[in-house]
Protein backbone atom coordinates (compact mmCIF):
# COMPACT_ATOMS: atom_id res chain seq x y z
CA MET A 1 47.57 8.26 43.65
CA ALA A 2 48.56 6.90 40.20
CA LYS A 3 44.90 6.50 39.22
CA GLU A 4 44.20 10.06 40.36
CA ARG A 5 47.03 11.40 38.17
CA LEU A 6 45.74 9.49 35.15
CA LYS A 7 42.25 10.95 35.60
CA SER A 8 43.46 14.55 36.04
CA PRO A 9 43.05 16.83 32.96
CA ARG A 10 46.22 16.95 30.88
CA ALA A 11 47.45 19.45 28.31
CA ARG A 12 49.79 18.95 25.35
CA LEU A 13 52.30 21.81 25.65
CA PHE A 14 55.30 23.27 23.86
CA VAL A 15 57.35 26.48 23.87
CA ALA A 16 58.06 28.27 20.60
CA LEU A 17 59.75 31.33 19.16
CA ASP A 18 57.16 33.41 17.32
CA LEU A 19 57.90 34.96 13.90
CA PRO A 20 57.12 38.53 12.79
CA GLU A 21 53.81 38.98 10.98
CA GLY A 22 55.61 40.06 7.78
CA ILE A 23 57.68 36.87 7.74
CA ARG A 24 54.63 34.68 8.27
CA ALA A 25 52.81 36.53 5.48
CA GLY A 26 55.80 35.98 3.18
CA ILE A 27 55.89 32.26 3.95
CA THR A 28 52.14 31.99 3.36
CA ALA A 29 52.44 33.66 -0.05
CA TRP A 30 55.28 31.29 -1.00
CA GLN A 31 53.29 28.27 0.25
CA GLY A 32 50.49 29.11 -2.20
CA GLU A 33 52.89 28.59 -5.11
CA ALA A 34 55.12 25.92 -3.57
CA PHE A 35 52.62 23.33 -2.35
CA ARG A 36 50.17 22.61 -5.13
CA ASP A 37 50.69 18.85 -4.82
CA GLU A 38 47.50 17.37 -3.32
CA ALA A 39 49.62 15.14 -1.10
CA VAL A 40 50.87 18.15 0.85
CA ARG A 41 49.02 20.25 3.44
CA PRO A 42 50.56 23.70 4.07
CA ILE A 43 50.81 24.83 7.70
CA ARG A 44 48.45 27.67 8.60
CA PRO A 45 50.01 31.13 9.18
CA GLU A 46 49.17 31.16 12.91
CA ALA A 47 51.03 27.85 13.35
CA LEU A 48 54.34 29.00 11.78
CA HIS A 49 57.01 29.18 14.49
CA VAL A 50 60.33 27.74 15.70
CA THR A 51 59.68 25.06 18.33
CA LEU A 52 62.11 25.46 21.25
CA CYS A 53 60.94 22.77 23.68
CA PHE A 54 58.18 20.20 23.15
CA LEU A 55 56.93 19.41 26.65
CA ASN A 56 54.42 16.69 25.74
CA TYR A 57 51.49 16.17 28.15
CA HIS A 58 51.35 17.78 31.58
CA PRO A 59 48.57 18.10 34.16
CA GLU A 60 46.65 21.33 33.64
CA ARG A 61 47.53 22.37 37.19
CA GLU A 62 51.19 22.69 36.12
CA ILE A 63 50.50 25.21 33.34
CA GLU A 64 50.90 28.22 35.64
CA ARG A 65 54.28 26.98 36.88
CA ILE A 66 55.49 26.27 33.34
CA GLY A 67 54.34 29.71 32.21
CA ALA A 68 56.22 31.33 35.08
CA ALA A 69 59.41 29.50 34.04
CA VAL A 70 59.04 30.77 30.47
CA LEU A 71 58.37 34.34 31.59
CA GLY A 72 61.42 34.17 33.87
CA ILE A 73 63.83 33.91 30.93
CA GLU A 74 65.84 37.09 30.28
CA PRO A 75 64.50 38.79 27.12
CA ARG A 76 67.15 39.21 24.42
CA PRO A 77 67.27 39.83 20.65
CA VAL A 78 67.20 36.58 18.64
CA GLU A 79 68.19 36.94 14.99
CA LEU A 80 67.35 34.24 12.44
CA ARG A 81 67.96 33.79 8.75
CA PHE A 82 66.30 31.27 6.47
CA LEU A 83 68.28 29.04 4.14
CA GLU A 84 67.03 28.99 0.55
CA GLU A 85 66.17 25.32 0.01
CA PRO A 86 63.24 23.71 1.86
CA VAL A 87 64.19 20.57 3.80
CA PRO A 88 62.21 17.31 3.30
CA VAL A 89 62.00 15.25 6.52
CA PRO A 90 63.00 12.49 6.09
CA PRO A 91 64.64 12.96 2.68
CA LYS A 92 62.83 9.92 1.23
CA ARG A 93 59.09 9.43 1.65
CA SER A 94 58.92 12.74 3.50
CA ARG A 95 56.40 13.42 6.26
CA LEU A 96 56.96 17.16 6.36
CA TYR A 97 58.81 20.09 4.81
CA ALA A 98 60.70 22.67 6.85
CA ILE A 99 62.70 25.85 6.38
CA ASP A 100 66.12 25.76 7.98
CA ALA A 101 66.60 28.84 10.20
CA PRO A 102 70.08 28.63 11.73
CA SER A 103 70.53 30.99 14.65
CA ASP A 104 73.11 31.14 17.44
CA GLY A 105 70.65 33.24 19.42
CA ALA A 106 67.86 30.67 19.09
CA THR A 107 70.25 27.87 20.06
CA GLU A 108 71.39 29.75 23.18
CA LEU A 109 67.81 30.61 24.12
CA GLN A 110 66.70 27.01 23.69
CA ALA A 111 69.57 25.74 25.83
CA GLU A 112 68.73 28.17 28.64
CA LEU A 113 65.02 27.40 28.49
CA SER A 114 65.72 23.66 28.39
CA GLY A 115 67.94 23.95 31.47
CA VAL A 116 65.36 25.92 33.45
CA LEU A 117 62.49 23.56 32.61
CA GLU A 118 64.60 20.46 33.24
CA ALA A 119 65.66 21.81 36.65
CA GLU A 120 61.98 22.20 37.51
CA ARG A 121 61.32 18.63 36.30
CA LEU A 122 58.99 19.96 33.64
CA TYR A 123 60.98 18.86 30.60
CA GLU A 124 63.16 15.98 29.48
CA PRO A 125 65.63 17.26 26.85
CA GLU A 126 65.78 15.41 23.55
CA LYS A 127 68.88 13.41 22.76
CA ARG A 128 69.20 14.91 19.27
CA PRO A 129 70.69 18.40 18.92
CA PHE A 130 68.34 21.36 18.70
CA TRP A 131 67.42 22.23 15.10
CA SER A 132 66.21 25.77 14.52
CA HIS A 133 63.57 25.45 11.78
CA VAL A 134 60.02 26.29 10.76
CA THR A 135 57.72 23.46 9.63
CA VAL A 136 55.84 24.78 6.58
CA ALA A 137 53.91 21.73 5.33
CA ARG A 138 52.95 18.18 6.27
CA VAL A 139 52.39 15.27 3.92
CA ARG A 140 48.98 13.62 4.06
CA PRO A 141 48.85 9.88 4.80
CA GLU A 142 47.94 7.32 2.18
CA LYS A 143 44.34 6.15 2.27
CA GLY A 144 44.10 3.12 4.50
CA HIS A 145 47.68 3.60 5.76
CA ARG A 146 47.60 6.18 8.54
CA ASN A 147 51.33 5.98 9.28
CA ARG A 148 52.50 5.99 5.66
CA PRO A 149 52.83 9.39 3.95
CA ARG A 150 51.82 9.83 0.33
CA ARG A 151 54.43 10.24 -2.37
CA VAL A 152 55.09 13.89 -3.25
CA THR A 153 55.56 14.24 -7.00
CA THR A 154 56.25 17.99 -7.03
CA PRO A 155 58.73 19.13 -4.36
CA PRO A 156 58.62 22.79 -3.31
CA PRO A 157 60.87 25.37 -5.00
CA ALA A 158 63.46 27.54 -3.26
CA LEU A 159 62.40 30.46 -1.10
CA PRO A 160 62.22 33.90 -2.74
CA GLY A 161 64.94 36.43 -2.01
CA THR A 162 62.53 38.47 0.11
CA LEU A 163 62.54 35.69 2.74
CA LEU A 164 66.32 35.31 2.89
CA GLN A 165 67.06 38.50 4.82
CA PRO A 166 67.81 38.29 8.57
CA PHE A 167 64.95 39.00 10.97
CA GLY A 168 64.24 38.83 14.69
CA GLY A 169 62.01 36.53 16.68
CA VAL A 170 59.30 38.56 18.37
CA ARG A 171 58.16 36.44 21.30
CA VAL A 172 58.73 33.27 23.32
CA THR A 173 55.33 31.64 23.84
CA LEU A 174 53.99 28.70 25.80
CA TYR A 175 51.36 27.00 23.64
CA ARG A 176 48.72 24.36 24.25
CA SER A 177 48.18 22.03 21.31
CA PHE A 178 44.80 20.53 20.43
CA MET A 179 44.88 17.74 17.84
CA ARG A 180 42.15 18.22 15.21
CA PRO A 181 41.34 16.24 12.02
CA SER A 182 42.21 19.36 10.00
CA GLY A 183 45.54 19.80 11.78
CA ALA A 184 46.77 20.89 15.19
CA GLU A 185 45.31 24.01 16.79
CA TYR A 186 47.64 26.06 19.00
CA VAL A 187 46.42 28.28 21.85
CA PRO A 188 48.91 30.72 23.47
CA LEU A 189 49.00 30.55 27.27
CA ALA A 190 51.92 32.82 28.21
CA GLY A 191 54.32 34.97 26.22
CA LEU A 192 57.58 36.88 26.68
CA ASP A 193 58.18 39.70 24.16
CA LEU A 194 61.72 39.96 22.76
CA PRO A 195 63.54 43.14 21.73
CA PRO A 196 64.46 43.48 18.04
CA PRO A 197 67.98 42.68 16.81
CA GLY A 198 70.29 45.63 17.43
CA ALA A 199 68.41 46.75 20.54
CA GLN A 200 70.65 47.63 23.47
CA LYS A 201 70.51 45.27 26.40
CA ARG A 202 69.26 46.89 29.57
């Protein structure tokens, strides 16, 4: 049975909160000015999101059940607001840059989703607290040192004021991730649309 499981097709999956098109366009415009250092690779617009639960690899036959769990969450408005300064992770010899997006709504949604998926034995919650953020760039590795990021000589500037206004997440989506030499490719498998902030709950 163990050998059969190892041979079965497996998918790398995660659940994310999708951003409005206008917000993604604003981030993309800022990236063009912020990440001119050759050591840094900006994240493509279609890959900008807030990761809620990284599920790792699952057999493809479980995708339908995972999608049903995601679609079973009660839709609700989720308001986010970016903080001005990009966050290097880790602070020294950074591997990526992120935008902090604190949100009580995103934290509550993540906790509910985590509980549902854990109860179905589809997810093992991380020990570290949930961090609501958007990864906006990754640092390329040094030549000949795959696990060692290059040194970034020009850190990114602060976000423009146009990106500091509150906004709502538009969708909770189950994604499949394909690892490519040019960066990960994400394919949506199931999605739950969310009402905008201020919408009355039915």
